[in-house]
Protein backbone atom coordinates (compact mmCIF):
# COMPACT_ATOMS: atom_id res chain seq x y z
CA MET A 1 -0.66 10.39 -11.61
CA MET A 2 -3.46 7.72 -12.15
CA GLY A 3 -2.21 7.26 -15.87
CA ILE A 4 1.18 5.66 -14.42
CA VAL A 5 -0.42 3.62 -11.73
CA LEU A 6 -2.84 2.23 -14.61
CA HIS A 7 0.74 1.61 -16.90
CA LYS A 8 2.23 -0.21 -13.80
CA LEU A 9 -1.20 -2.56 -13.00
CA LEU A 10 -2.56 -3.39 -16.56
CA PRO A 11 -0.04 -6.20 -17.38
CA LEU A 12 -0.86 -7.97 -13.68
CA TYR A 13 -4.82 -7.62 -15.18
CA ALA A 14 -3.24 -8.94 -18.19
CA ILE A 15 -2.16 -12.29 -16.31
CA ILE A 16 -5.32 -12.77 -14.78
CA LEU A 17 -7.32 -12.49 -17.93
CA ILE A 18 -4.72 -15.18 -19.32
CA GLY A 19 -5.66 -17.50 -16.61
CA PHE A 20 -9.24 -17.18 -17.11
CA VAL A 21 -9.08 -18.09 -21.21
CA ALA A 22 -6.21 -20.84 -20.02
CA GLY A 23 -9.19 -22.23 -17.39
CA ARG A 24 -12.15 -22.00 -20.20
CA LEU A 25 -10.60 -23.39 -23.57
CA ILE A 26 -7.94 -25.54 -21.68
CA THR A 27 -9.35 -26.58 -18.78
CA ALA A 28 -6.28 -25.59 -16.66
CA ARG A 29 -6.32 -26.61 -12.66
CA TRP A 30 -5.86 -24.33 -10.34
CA GLU A 31 -5.70 -27.05 -7.43
CA ALA A 32 -2.08 -28.37 -8.86
CA ILE A 33 -0.56 -24.79 -9.49
CA ALA A 34 -1.80 -24.12 -5.85
CA THR A 35 -0.05 -26.87 -4.26
CA LEU A 36 3.27 -26.08 -6.16
CA LEU A 37 3.19 -22.53 -4.74
CA ILE A 38 2.25 -23.18 -1.11
CA TYR A 39 4.79 -25.62 -0.75
CA VAL A 40 7.66 -25.16 -3.33
CA ILE A 41 7.11 -21.55 -4.84
CA ALA A 42 6.18 -19.47 -1.81
CA PRO A 43 8.86 -20.80 0.61
CA VAL A 44 11.70 -19.75 -1.79
CA VAL A 45 10.46 -16.56 -2.41
CA VAL A 46 9.89 -15.90 1.69
CA PHE A 47 13.10 -17.05 2.01
CA VAL A 48 14.89 -14.73 -0.76
CA GLY A 49 12.64 -11.77 -0.10
CA ILE A 50 14.01 -11.92 4.10
CA MET A 51 17.56 -12.42 2.54
CA SER A 52 17.64 -9.59 0.21
CA ALA A 53 17.41 -6.79 3.22
CA PRO A 54 18.74 -5.33 5.89
CA LEU A 55 16.47 -6.34 8.73
CA ASP A 56 15.25 -3.97 11.68
CA ILE A 57 12.79 -4.18 14.42
CA GLY A 58 10.79 -2.57 12.13
CA ARG A 59 10.76 -4.82 9.45
CA LEU A 60 10.55 -7.55 11.68
CA ALA A 61 7.61 -6.10 13.45
CA LEU A 62 5.64 -6.28 10.14
CA PRO A 63 4.39 -9.86 10.42
CA LEU A 64 3.38 -9.65 14.18
CA VAL A 65 1.32 -6.24 13.40
CA PHE A 66 -0.42 -7.80 10.47
CA PHE A 67 -0.93 -11.39 12.49
CA ILE A 68 -2.54 -9.47 15.38
CA ILE A 69 -4.65 -6.99 13.13
CA CYS A 70 -5.85 -9.82 11.07
CA CYS A 71 -7.17 -12.02 14.55
CA SER A 72 -8.55 -9.14 16.39
CA LEU A 73 -10.88 -8.71 13.13
CA CYS A 74 -11.34 -12.06 12.80
CA LEU A 75 -12.92 -11.94 16.36
CA LEU A 76 -14.68 -8.73 16.67
CA PHE A 77 -16.35 -9.72 13.23
CA TYR A 78 -17.19 -13.46 14.38
CA PHE A 79 -18.90 -12.56 17.92
CA THR A 80 -20.80 -8.83 16.26
CA ILE A 81 -21.81 -8.27 12.66
CA CYS A 82 -21.33 -12.04 11.44
CA ARG A 83 -23.55 -13.27 13.54
CA LEU A 84 -26.62 -12.04 10.79
CA TRP A 85 -25.40 -15.77 9.02
CA PRO A 86 -25.36 -19.16 10.61
CA SER A 87 -22.59 -21.09 10.69
CA PRO A 88 -20.70 -22.45 9.05
CA LEU A 89 -21.25 -19.47 6.41
CA ARG A 90 -20.68 -17.12 9.75
CA ASN A 91 -17.18 -18.62 9.90
CA ILE A 92 -16.24 -18.38 6.61
CA LEU A 93 -17.19 -14.73 6.26
CA ALA A 94 -15.31 -13.86 9.22
CA PHE A 95 -12.34 -15.59 8.52
CA SER A 96 -12.27 -13.88 4.77
CA ALA A 97 -13.13 -10.50 5.83
CA ALA A 98 -10.17 -10.36 8.19
CA THR A 99 -7.48 -11.20 6.12
CA GLY A 100 -6.92 -10.64 1.85
CA ASN A 101 -4.99 -11.66 -1.26
CA SER A 102 -1.96 -10.39 0.06
CA GLY A 103 0.25 -13.03 -1.65
CA TYR A 104 -1.26 -13.48 -5.15
CA PHE A 105 -2.77 -9.81 -5.63
CA GLY A 106 -0.72 -7.70 -2.77
CA LEU A 107 3.13 -8.20 -3.25
CA PRO A 108 3.53 -8.05 -7.44
CA ILE A 109 1.21 -4.82 -6.89
CA ALA A 110 3.55 -3.55 -4.27
CA ILE A 111 6.82 -4.44 -6.20
CA PHE A 112 5.25 -2.71 -9.46
CA LEU A 113 4.11 0.48 -7.66
CA PHE A 114 7.62 0.83 -5.04
CA GLY A 115 9.99 -0.89 -6.72
CA GLU A 116 12.20 -3.65 -6.09
CA GLU A 117 12.92 -2.08 -2.07
CA ALA A 118 9.06 -3.26 -1.30
CA PHE A 119 10.26 -7.07 -1.86
CA SER A 120 11.12 -7.99 1.42
CA ILE A 121 8.35 -5.63 2.74
CA SER A 122 5.55 -7.09 1.08
CA VAL A 123 6.87 -10.87 2.07
CA LEU A 124 6.92 -9.76 5.73
CA ILE A 125 3.58 -8.23 5.76
CA ALA A 126 2.37 -11.08 3.68
CA LEU A 127 3.59 -13.64 6.36
CA GLY A 128 1.72 -11.70 8.96
CA PHE A 129 -2.02 -13.02 6.95
CA ILE A 130 -0.26 -16.55 6.35
CA LEU A 131 0.28 -16.99 9.39
CA TYR A 132 -3.13 -15.66 10.54
CA GLU A 133 -4.70 -17.94 8.08
CA ASN A 134 -2.87 -21.08 9.11
CA THR A 135 -3.62 -20.42 12.88
CA LEU A 136 -6.59 -18.70 13.82
CA GLY A 137 -8.44 -18.38 10.93
CA PHE A 138 -8.37 -22.10 10.03
CA PHE A 139 -9.71 -22.91 13.63
CA ILE A 140 -12.50 -20.20 12.89
CA THR A 141 -13.43 -21.47 9.87
CA ALA A 142 -13.46 -24.94 10.18
CA ARG A 143 -14.97 -25.16 13.77
CA GLY A 144 -17.25 -28.16 14.38
CA HIS A 145 -15.16 -29.56 11.59
CA HIS A 146 -11.56 -29.70 13.06
CA ASP A 147 -10.04 -30.00 16.43
CA THR A 148 -6.91 -27.06 17.81
CA LEU A 149 -4.43 -29.84 17.40
CA GLU A 150 -5.33 -30.26 13.83
CA SER A 151 -5.09 -26.93 13.59
CA LEU A 152 -1.79 -26.77 14.89
CA GLY A 153 -0.84 -29.41 12.93
CA ARG A 154 -1.44 -27.57 9.79
CA VAL A 155 0.54 -24.98 10.99
CA LEU A 156 3.68 -27.41 11.49
CA ARG A 157 3.26 -28.42 8.25
CA LEU A 158 3.48 -25.26 6.02
CA PRO A 159 7.14 -24.81 5.00
CA THR A 160 6.55 -21.08 4.68
CA VAL A 161 7.17 -20.88 8.47
CA TYR A 162 10.36 -22.70 8.36
CA ALA A 163 11.45 -20.57 5.33
CA PHE A 164 10.92 -17.26 7.51
CA ILE A 165 12.86 -18.52 10.29
CA LEU A 166 15.70 -19.85 8.66
CA ALA A 167 15.87 -16.52 6.64
CA VAL A 168 15.76 -14.98 9.47
CA ILE A 169 18.51 -16.86 11.26
CA CYS A 170 21.25 -16.66 8.30
CA ASN A 171 20.07 -12.52 7.37
CA LEU A 172 21.22 -11.53 11.04
CA SER A 173 24.29 -14.01 11.18
CA GLY A 174 25.50 -11.84 8.72
CA LEU A 175 25.29 -15.08 5.69
CA THR A 176 24.54 -13.67 2.06
CA LEU A 177 23.00 -15.59 -0.30
CA PRO A 178 25.72 -15.94 -3.90
CA ALA A 179 24.71 -14.03 -7.26
CA ALA A 180 23.40 -17.60 -8.43
CA LEU A 181 20.95 -18.40 -5.97
CA THR A 182 19.90 -14.42 -5.83
CA GLU A 183 19.08 -14.67 -9.85
CA LEU A 184 17.43 -18.33 -9.31
CA GLY A 185 15.64 -16.67 -6.59
CA THR A 186 14.75 -13.52 -8.92
CA ASN A 187 13.17 -16.11 -11.35
CA PHE A 188 11.48 -18.19 -8.68
CA ARG A 189 9.33 -14.68 -7.09
CA ASN A 190 8.62 -13.94 -11.37
CA ALA A 191 7.12 -17.34 -10.97
CA TYR A 192 5.24 -16.96 -7.93
CA PHE A 193 3.68 -13.46 -9.12
CA ILE A 194 2.56 -14.71 -12.90
CA LEU A 195 1.15 -18.11 -11.48
CA GLY A 196 -0.75 -16.40 -8.77
CA MET A 197 -2.06 -13.69 -10.68
CA MET A 198 -3.46 -16.63 -13.67
CA MET A 199 -4.68 -18.05 -10.45
CA ILE A 200 -7.16 -15.21 -9.84
CA GLY A 201 -8.55 -15.72 -13.80
CA LEU A 202 -8.52 -19.96 -13.14
CA GLY A 203 -10.70 -19.77 -10.15
CA VAL A 204 -12.72 -17.69 -11.66
CA ALA A 205 -12.97 -19.79 -15.02
CA GLN A 206 -13.92 -22.87 -13.30
CA LEU A 207 -16.93 -21.50 -11.25
CA LYS A 208 -20.00 -23.25 -12.83
CA THR A 209 -22.69 -20.86 -11.09
CA LEU A 210 -22.43 -17.60 -9.12
CA LYS A 211 -24.89 -16.55 -6.78
CA LEU A 212 -25.80 -12.53 -5.94
CA ASP A 213 -26.10 -12.00 -2.52
CA ILE A 214 -26.46 -8.42 -1.87
CA ARG A 215 -26.39 -8.24 1.60
CA PHE A 216 -23.72 -10.63 2.17
CA ILE A 217 -21.69 -8.99 -0.28
CA SER A 218 -22.01 -5.36 0.90
CA ILE A 219 -21.17 -6.61 4.66
CA ALA A 220 -17.93 -8.15 3.17
CA PHE A 221 -16.95 -5.46 1.00
CA LEU A 222 -17.50 -2.81 4.17
CA LEU A 223 -15.46 -4.95 6.04
CA LYS A 224 -12.62 -5.28 3.42
CA PHE A 225 -12.60 -2.61 1.54
CA LEU A 226 -13.50 0.04 4.76
CA VAL A 227 -12.78 -0.93 8.46
CA TRP A 228 -9.39 -2.80 6.95
CA PRO A 229 -7.85 0.44 5.44
CA ILE A 230 -9.12 2.55 8.55
CA VAL A 231 -7.23 0.18 11.04
CA VAL A 232 -4.13 0.00 9.20
CA VAL A 233 -4.31 4.00 9.01
CA GLY A 234 -5.00 4.13 12.38
CA VAL A 235 -2.00 2.16 12.96
CA ILE A 236 0.44 4.41 10.57
CA LEU A 237 -1.16 7.24 12.44
CA MET A 238 -0.20 5.94 15.93
CA ASP A 239 3.63 5.00 14.91
CA LYS A 240 3.80 8.34 13.26
CA GLN A 241 2.79 10.17 16.40
CA MET A 242 4.21 7.89 19.23
CA PHE A 243 6.51 4.70 18.27
CA HIS A 244 8.49 5.46 14.92
CA ILE A 245 9.12 2.31 14.15
CA PHE A 246 8.53 2.01 10.42
CA SER A 247 9.84 4.16 7.57
CA PRO A 248 7.54 6.09 5.03
CA LEU A 249 7.46 3.23 2.22
CA GLU A 250 6.86 0.70 5.41
CA HIS A 251 3.75 3.07 5.77
CA ASN A 252 2.74 2.76 2.27
CA VAL A 253 2.97 -1.00 1.86
CA MET A 254 1.05 -1.53 5.05
CA LEU A 255 -1.55 1.03 3.44
CA LEU A 256 -1.53 -1.10 0.21
CA MET A 257 -1.81 -4.46 1.54
CA SER A 258 -5.03 -3.22 3.65
CA LEU A 259 -6.28 -2.72 0.26
CA VAL A 260 -6.14 -6.41 -1.46
CA PRO A 261 -9.28 -8.33 -2.16
CA LEU A 262 -10.75 -11.10 -0.06
CA PRO A 263 -8.43 -14.15 -0.11
CA ALA A 264 -9.29 -16.76 -3.33
CA ASN A 265 -8.42 -19.69 -0.52
CA SER A 266 -11.73 -19.10 0.97
CA VAL A 267 -13.62 -20.72 -1.75
CA ALA A 268 -11.71 -24.00 -1.51
CA LEU A 269 -12.52 -23.65 2.18
CA ALA A 270 -15.83 -22.97 1.60
CA MET A 271 -16.16 -26.19 -0.80
CA GLU A 272 -14.45 -28.60 1.94
CA LEU A 273 -17.46 -27.49 4.21
CA GLY A 274 -19.88 -27.36 2.27
CA SER A 275 -20.84 -23.62 3.12
CA ALA A 276 -22.29 -21.94 0.24
CA PRO A 277 -19.36 -21.83 -2.14
CA GLU A 278 -20.91 -20.07 -5.19
CA LYS A 279 -22.04 -16.69 -2.38
CA ILE A 280 -18.60 -17.07 -1.18
CA ALA A 281 -16.98 -17.31 -5.07
CA THR A 282 -18.99 -14.52 -6.36
CA ALA A 283 -17.72 -12.27 -3.30
CA VAL A 284 -14.41 -13.12 -3.78
CA PHE A 285 -14.70 -12.47 -7.96
CA LEU A 286 -16.25 -9.28 -7.76
CA SER A 287 -13.33 -8.17 -4.53
CA THR A 288 -11.34 -8.74 -7.15
CA VAL A 289 -12.39 -6.81 -9.86
CA PHE A 290 -12.87 -4.07 -7.14
CA ALA A 291 -9.98 -4.10 -6.19
CA ALA A 292 -8.42 -3.88 -9.12
CA PHE A 293 -10.13 0.10 -9.42
CA TYR A 294 -9.94 0.80 -5.75
CA VAL A 295 -6.35 0.06 -5.92
CA LEU A 296 -5.50 2.45 -8.68
CA ILE A 297 -8.00 5.07 -7.59
CA ILE A 298 -5.99 4.80 -3.68
CA SER A 299 -2.70 4.65 -5.52
CA GLY A 300 -3.40 7.56 -7.84
CA LEU A 301 -4.39 9.56 -5.52
CA TYR A 302 -2.09 8.83 -2.53
CA PHE A 303 0.94 6.62 -2.94
CA LEU A 304 2.21 8.51 -6.28
């Protein structure tokens, strides 16, 4: 089983390696790619993902469920264990541990493991992460640097939100995409996967130094790779026993998304706030390496 999963995941890890080599040899910059992904490619991927599958109450509830989980964990971490560090490092840790690399890491792996049917499910879950990162997550991270109105303005400038709303309206209205646009959307999705995975390698390649803080990394790993799966498994068990909203495939993708590493954009936020970016970058890098094996083991034992 694990051999099957490894065969599926190796191409994704190869793309990360290509990104690292490109960052070292031709000094490719991740900032321009990130801007292109956020403001051009991601909205198209979200729109096509929502339009490509029938919507029901379960799928429409997915982004809300993950948004609530992210916000709840962020506040819990911020007011408890993250108090071991002073602000703004405390803020960055609470923000990072309450979200994950759902788009660049989780989305392609979900497609590789579960097939095309997991595409729209993964997009909806990733949207929950995105909404958190650009609302409460941004506010907690930038507390003392930006006010609430600026945080709200950041959300309103995010094209992914509008792409989601438009796609839901079109889908529920019975509209369908022409074959040519569907094919174009597939090309955008492939570009999103490749550029997103390459960004992980590019980010590592551009780090000048890594700072190993055992206590900080241990807490970050504990929150991300233990607390997160426990919470999501609890939600899945509650749904199985009481609510019956989500399908078995949605349960599988939900669990997979709880295993993704720390978000790559937390490094950019740490740089902007001057909050020990080397320490954050080290934690993100190690979590990405760890997640590769973590997903492999959990997938081999459970998903397949």
